[in-house]
Amino acid sequence: MKKINNNKVEEFIRVDHAGERGAVKIYEGQLLALNTLVKDESLKKTIEEMKVHEKEHCEFFENEIKKRNIKPTKFLPLWDLLGVGLGFGSTLLGKKAAMLCTASVEEVIDKHYLNQINQLGSNEKKLKSKIIKFRNDELLHKDIAYEKGATKKGAYAILDKIIKTGSKIAINISEKI
């Protein structure tokens, strides 16, 4: 029977809280652009639907942070700002870029959550089952993003690399600080 140490579980919860909150902020930034400068009701509806999942995920980790007395990452204010900026900026670039933003982040999160699922043991059944559910939600978001026009062709490949690199950096920092 595999068990995982408490420090690792704290890292998982800290980083997942930051990540899910970041996802909410990205969608808030996208919705800000869609409510002010970019008019696309279909895209707005899609993003609002995905944001509901992210809020559910964020609330779960928010509760875990409080329940387990874990300090959130010190970088939350910066991640909030960068998330809103990324969401707003990607949406200003158009629907393909907005949807690529979702797809790129979700591809990083898929691997991130799978890594955690593989490490969590029997002493963290509830946490593991939630992460499995949340990973499935994220995979659905990725699929929706590609259905709605996400692409990695041409200059979008650069945007994909930037978003993925930023996401990985944020994950590494948030686990520890």
C-alpha atoms as a PDB file:
ATOM      1  CA  MET A   1       0.000   0.000   0.000  1.00  0.00           C
ATOM      2  CA  LYS A   2       1.583   3.235  -1.239  1.00  0.00           C
ATOM      3  CA  LYS A   3       1.640   6.298   1.044  1.00  0.00           C
ATOM      4  CA  ILE A   4       2.804   9.760   0.177  1.00  0.00           C
ATOM      5  CA  ASN A   5       4.417  12.138   2.652  1.00  0.00           C
ATOM      6  CA  ASN A   6       2.605  15.209   3.961  1.00  0.00           C
ATOM      7  CA  ASN A   7       5.027  17.727   2.457  1.00  0.00           C
ATOM      8  CA  LYS A   8       4.318  16.376  -1.015  1.00  0.00           C
ATOM      9  CA  VAL A   9       0.553  16.511  -0.419  1.00  0.00           C
ATOM     10  CA  GLU A  10       0.898  20.123   0.766  1.00  0.00           C
ATOM     11  CA  GLU A  11       2.816  20.963  -2.425  1.00  0.00           C
ATOM     12  CA  PHE A  12       0.101  19.316  -4.529  1.00  0.00           C
ATOM     13  CA  ILE A  13      -2.677  21.258  -2.822  1.00  0.00           C
ATOM     14  CA  ARG A  14      -0.762  24.565  -2.883  1.00  0.00           C
ATOM     15  CA  VAL A  15       0.063  24.324  -6.582  1.00  0.00           C
ATOM     16  CA  ASP A  16      -3.367  23.008  -7.587  1.00  0.00           C
ATOM     17  CA  HIS A  17      -5.055  25.829  -5.680  1.00  0.00           C
ATOM     18  CA  ALA A  18      -2.851  28.370  -7.501  1.00  0.00           C
ATOM     19  CA  GLY A  19      -3.456  26.683 -10.850  1.00  0.00           C
ATOM     20  CA  GLU A  20      -7.208  26.471 -10.561  1.00  0.00           C
ATOM     21  CA  ARG A  21      -7.380  30.051  -9.342  1.00  0.00           C
ATOM     22  CA  GLY A  22      -5.178  30.994 -12.291  1.00  0.00           C
ATOM     23  CA  ALA A  23      -7.591  29.268 -14.668  1.00  0.00           C
ATOM     24  CA  VAL A  24     -10.489  31.258 -13.206  1.00  0.00           C
ATOM     25  CA  LYS A  25      -8.452  34.467 -13.686  1.00  0.00           C
ATOM     26  CA  ILE A  26      -7.621  33.582 -17.309  1.00  0.00           C
ATOM     27  CA  TYR A  27     -11.318  33.107 -18.041  1.00  0.00           C
ATOM     28  CA  GLU A  28     -12.126  36.355 -16.187  1.00  0.00           C
ATOM     29  CA  GLY A  29      -9.632  38.133 -18.451  1.00  0.00           C
ATOM     30  CA  GLN A  30     -11.152  36.549 -21.535  1.00  0.00           C
ATOM     31  CA  LEU A  31     -14.648  37.533 -20.415  1.00  0.00           C
ATOM     32  CA  LEU A  32     -13.445  41.081 -19.707  1.00  0.00           C
ATOM     33  CA  ALA A  33     -12.250  41.344 -23.316  1.00  0.00           C
ATOM     34  CA  LEU A  34     -15.475  39.762 -24.595  1.00  0.00           C
ATOM     35  CA  ASN A  35     -17.631  42.134 -22.556  1.00  0.00           C
ATOM     36  CA  THR A  36     -15.754  45.266 -23.645  1.00  0.00           C
ATOM     37  CA  LEU A  37     -13.760  45.111 -26.885  1.00  0.00           C
ATOM     38  CA  VAL A  38     -14.456  41.793 -28.599  1.00  0.00           C
ATOM     39  CA  LYS A  39     -18.012  40.789 -29.409  1.00  0.00           C
ATOM     40  CA  ASP A  40     -18.429  37.035 -29.797  1.00  0.00           C
ATOM     41  CA  GLU A  41     -21.444  35.659 -27.920  1.00  0.00           C
ATOM     42  CA  SER A  42     -20.668  32.050 -28.850  1.00  0.00           C
ATOM     43  CA  LEU A  43     -17.115  32.252 -27.485  1.00  0.00           C
ATOM     44  CA  LYS A  44     -18.385  34.069 -24.394  1.00  0.00           C
ATOM     45  CA  LYS A  45     -20.877  31.259 -23.681  1.00  0.00           C
ATOM     46  CA  THR A  46     -18.165  28.583 -24.115  1.00  0.00           C
ATOM     47  CA  ILE A  47     -15.796  30.372 -21.736  1.00  0.00           C
ATOM     48  CA  GLU A  48     -18.522  30.980 -19.147  1.00  0.00           C
ATOM     49  CA  GLU A  49     -19.320  27.227 -19.168  1.00  0.00           C
ATOM     50  CA  MET A  50     -15.678  26.219 -18.706  1.00  0.00           C
ATOM     51  CA  LYS A  51     -15.225  28.820 -15.964  1.00  0.00           C
ATOM     52  CA  VAL A  52     -17.943  27.057 -13.901  1.00  0.00           C
ATOM     53  CA  HIS A  53     -15.726  23.931 -13.693  1.00  0.00           C
ATOM     54  CA  GLU A  54     -12.661  25.967 -12.787  1.00  0.00           C
ATOM     55  CA  LYS A  55     -14.523  27.719  -9.975  1.00  0.00           C
ATOM     56  CA  GLU A  56     -15.610  24.321  -8.605  1.00  0.00           C
ATOM     57  CA  HIS A  57     -12.002  23.086  -8.729  1.00  0.00           C
ATOM     58  CA  CYS A  58     -10.704  26.278  -7.112  1.00  0.00           C
ATOM     59  CA  GLU A  59     -13.271  26.104  -4.292  1.00  0.00           C
ATOM     60  CA  PHE A  60     -12.263  22.513  -3.506  1.00  0.00           C
ATOM     61  CA  PHE A  61      -8.576  23.450  -3.184  1.00  0.00           C
ATOM     62  CA  GLU A  62      -9.455  26.644  -1.284  1.00  0.00           C
ATOM     63  CA  ASN A  63     -11.245  24.453   1.272  1.00  0.00           C
ATOM     64  CA  GLU A  64      -8.343  21.983   1.413  1.00  0.00           C
ATOM     65  CA  ILE A  65      -5.887  24.844   2.058  1.00  0.00           C
ATOM     66  CA  LYS A  66      -8.011  26.057   4.976  1.00  0.00           C
ATOM     67  CA  LYS A  67      -8.837  22.603   6.349  1.00  0.00           C
ATOM     68  CA  ARG A  68      -5.220  21.409   6.272  1.00  0.00           C
ATOM     69  CA  ASN A  69      -3.753  24.774   7.299  1.00  0.00           C
ATOM     70  CA  ILE A  70      -1.533  25.025   4.203  1.00  0.00           C
ATOM     71  CA  LYS A  71      -0.054  28.358   3.215  1.00  0.00           C
ATOM     72  CA  PRO A  72      -1.050  29.312  -0.342  1.00  0.00           C
ATOM     73  CA  THR A  73       1.703  30.351  -2.716  1.00  0.00           C
ATOM     74  CA  LYS A  74       3.062  33.818  -2.014  1.00  0.00           C
ATOM     75  CA  PHE A  75       2.744  34.490  -5.739  1.00  0.00           C
ATOM     76  CA  LEU A  76      -1.092  34.464  -5.861  1.00  0.00           C
ATOM     77  CA  PRO A  77      -1.379  38.235  -6.497  1.00  0.00           C
ATOM     78  CA  LEU A  78       1.111  38.000  -9.381  1.00  0.00           C
ATOM     79  CA  TRP A  79      -0.565  34.880 -10.820  1.00  0.00           C
ATOM     80  CA  ASP A  80      -3.944  36.662 -10.608  1.00  0.00           C
ATOM     81  CA  LEU A  81      -2.593  39.613 -12.570  1.00  0.00           C
ATOM     82  CA  LEU A  82      -0.810  37.464 -15.143  1.00  0.00           C
ATOM     83  CA  GLY A  83      -3.869  35.213 -15.534  1.00  0.00           C
ATOM     84  CA  VAL A  84      -6.210  38.118 -16.246  1.00  0.00           C
ATOM     85  CA  GLY A  85      -3.603  39.606 -18.597  1.00  0.00           C
ATOM     86  CA  LEU A  86      -3.120  36.335 -20.474  1.00  0.00           C
ATOM     87  CA  GLY A  87      -6.859  35.831 -20.826  1.00  0.00           C
ATOM     88  CA  PHE A  88      -7.485  39.399 -21.954  1.00  0.00           C
ATOM     89  CA  GLY A  89      -4.511  39.467 -24.333  1.00  0.00           C
ATOM     90  CA  SER A  90      -5.203  36.091 -25.929  1.00  0.00           C
ATOM     91  CA  THR A  91      -8.806  37.100 -26.583  1.00  0.00           C
ATOM     92  CA  LEU A  92      -7.730  40.388 -28.189  1.00  0.00           C
ATOM     93  CA  LEU A  93      -5.693  38.265 -30.631  1.00  0.00           C
ATOM     94  CA  GLY A  94      -8.886  36.483 -31.710  1.00  0.00           C
ATOM     95  CA  LYS A  95     -10.896  33.330 -31.164  1.00  0.00           C
ATOM     96  CA  LYS A  96      -8.115  30.946 -32.283  1.00  0.00           C
ATOM     97  CA  ALA A  97      -5.666  32.494 -29.799  1.00  0.00           C
ATOM     98  CA  ALA A  98      -8.244  32.525 -26.982  1.00  0.00           C
ATOM     99  CA  MET A  99      -8.996  28.851 -27.531  1.00  0.00           C
ATOM    100  CA  LEU A 100      -5.292  28.014 -27.919  1.00  0.00           C
ATOM    101  CA  CYS A 101      -4.744  29.601 -24.507  1.00  0.00           C
ATOM    102  CA  THR A 102      -7.160  27.061 -23.015  1.00  0.00           C
ATOM    103  CA  ALA A 103      -5.724  24.134 -25.001  1.00  0.00           C
ATOM    104  CA  SER A 104      -2.105  24.970 -24.119  1.00  0.00           C
ATOM    105  CA  VAL A 105      -2.786  25.352 -20.396  1.00  0.00           C
ATOM    106  CA  GLU A 106      -4.894  22.183 -20.297  1.00  0.00           C
ATOM    107  CA  GLU A 107      -2.178  20.141 -22.027  1.00  0.00           C
ATOM    108  CA  VAL A 108       0.268  21.134 -19.276  1.00  0.00           C
ATOM    109  CA  ILE A 109      -2.318  20.475 -16.548  1.00  0.00           C
ATOM    110  CA  ASP A 110      -3.155  17.053 -17.995  1.00  0.00           C
ATOM    111  CA  LYS A 111       0.435  15.883 -17.454  1.00  0.00           C
ATOM    112  CA  HIS A 112       0.664  17.706 -14.110  1.00  0.00           C
ATOM    113  CA  TYR A 113      -2.481  16.067 -12.715  1.00  0.00           C
ATOM    114  CA  LEU A 114      -1.541  12.644 -14.111  1.00  0.00           C
ATOM    115  CA  ASN A 115       1.807  12.891 -12.309  1.00  0.00           C
ATOM    116  CA  GLN A 116       0.003  13.675  -9.037  1.00  0.00           C
ATOM    117  CA  ILE A 117      -2.545  10.879  -9.538  1.00  0.00           C
ATOM    118  CA  ASN A 118       0.323   8.415 -10.014  1.00  0.00           C
ATOM    119  CA  GLN A 119       1.985   9.554  -6.771  1.00  0.00           C
ATOM    120  CA  LEU A 120      -1.054   9.742  -4.489  1.00  0.00           C
ATOM    121  CA  GLY A 121      -1.582   6.697  -2.326  1.00  0.00           C
ATOM    122  CA  SER A 122      -4.389   5.084  -0.397  1.00  0.00           C
ATOM    123  CA  ASN A 123      -4.065   7.618   2.430  1.00  0.00           C
ATOM    124  CA  GLU A 124      -5.390  10.357   0.095  1.00  0.00           C
ATOM    125  CA  LYS A 125      -8.351   8.656  -1.626  1.00  0.00           C
ATOM    126  CA  LYS A 126     -10.624  11.724  -1.628  1.00  0.00           C
ATOM    127  CA  LEU A 127      -7.918  14.057  -2.938  1.00  0.00           C
ATOM    128  CA  LYS A 128      -6.952  11.549  -5.623  1.00  0.00           C
ATOM    129  CA  SER A 129     -10.552  11.060  -6.782  1.00  0.00           C
ATOM    130  CA  LYS A 130     -11.061  14.842  -7.000  1.00  0.00           C
ATOM    131  CA  ILE A 131      -7.882  15.286  -9.029  1.00  0.00           C
ATOM    132  CA  ILE A 132      -9.003  12.481 -11.373  1.00  0.00           C
ATOM    133  CA  LYS A 133     -12.355  14.240 -11.846  1.00  0.00           C
ATOM    134  CA  PHE A 134     -10.727  17.637 -12.345  1.00  0.00           C
ATOM    135  CA  ARG A 135      -8.271  16.174 -14.883  1.00  0.00           C
ATOM    136  CA  ASN A 136     -11.217  14.804 -16.856  1.00  0.00           C
ATOM    137  CA  ASP A 137     -12.843  18.256 -16.807  1.00  0.00           C
ATOM    138  CA  GLU A 138      -9.595  19.802 -18.061  1.00  0.00           C
ATOM    139  CA  LEU A 139      -9.334  17.245 -20.883  1.00  0.00           C
ATOM    140  CA  LEU A 140     -12.894  18.150 -21.882  1.00  0.00           C
ATOM    141  CA  HIS A 141     -11.910  21.851 -21.941  1.00  0.00           C
ATOM    142  CA  LYS A 142      -8.935  21.012 -24.176  1.00  0.00           C
ATOM    143  CA  ASP A 143     -11.196  19.105 -26.592  1.00  0.00           C
ATOM    144  CA  ILE A 144     -13.706  21.971 -26.653  1.00  0.00           C
ATOM    145  CA  ALA A 145     -10.884  24.450 -27.342  1.00  0.00           C
ATOM    146  CA  TYR A 146      -9.759  22.471 -30.410  1.00  0.00           C
ATOM    147  CA  GLU A 147     -13.376  22.064 -31.595  1.00  0.00           C
ATOM    148  CA  LYS A 148     -13.791  25.859 -31.306  1.00  0.00           C
ATOM    149  CA  GLY A 149     -10.716  26.699 -33.362  1.00  0.00           C
ATOM    150  CA  ALA A 150      -7.519  26.353 -31.312  1.00  0.00           C
ATOM    151  CA  THR A 151      -4.557  25.774 -33.604  1.00  0.00           C
ATOM    152  CA  LYS A 152      -0.775  25.522 -33.343  1.00  0.00           C
ATOM    153  CA  LYS A 153      -0.144  26.425 -36.990  1.00  0.00           C
ATOM    154  CA  GLY A 154       2.145  29.315 -37.909  1.00  0.00           C
ATOM    155  CA  ALA A 155       2.642  31.992 -35.253  1.00  0.00           C
ATOM    156  CA  TYR A 156       0.229  30.161 -32.952  1.00  0.00           C
ATOM    157  CA  ALA A 157       3.015  27.621 -32.318  1.00  0.00           C
ATOM    158  CA  ILE A 158       5.006  30.415 -30.644  1.00  0.00           C
ATOM    159  CA  LEU A 159       2.038  31.417 -28.500  1.00  0.00           C
ATOM    160  CA  ASP A 160       1.590  27.763 -27.495  1.00  0.00           C
ATOM    161  CA  LYS A 161       5.244  27.536 -26.372  1.00  0.00           C
ATOM    162  CA  ILE A 162       5.019  30.809 -24.415  1.00  0.00           C
ATOM    163  CA  ILE A 163       1.850  29.747 -22.593  1.00  0.00           C
ATOM    164  CA  LYS A 164       3.169  26.261 -21.811  1.00  0.00           C
ATOM    165  CA  THR A 165       6.523  27.575 -20.577  1.00  0.00           C
ATOM    166  CA  GLY A 166       4.812  30.157 -18.373  1.00  0.00           C
ATOM    167  CA  SER A 167       2.466  27.522 -16.967  1.00  0.00           C
ATOM    168  CA  LYS A 168       5.342  25.171 -16.131  1.00  0.00           C
ATOM    169  CA  ILE A 169       7.307  27.965 -14.447  1.00  0.00           C
ATOM    170  CA  ALA A 170       4.247  28.942 -12.379  1.00  0.00           C
ATOM    171  CA  ILE A 171       3.769  25.294 -11.338  1.00  0.00           C
ATOM    172  CA  ASN A 172       7.411  24.907 -10.238  1.00  0.00           C
ATOM    173  CA  ILE A 173       7.362  28.125  -8.221  1.00  0.00           C
ATOM    174  CA  SER A 174       3.938  27.530  -6.661  1.00  0.00           C
ATOM    175  CA  GLU A 175       4.850  24.063  -5.400  1.00  0.00           C
ATOM    176  CA  LYS A 176       7.653  25.484  -3.246  1.00  0.00           C
ATOM    177  CA  ILE A 177       6.881  29.109  -2.412  1.00  0.00           C
END
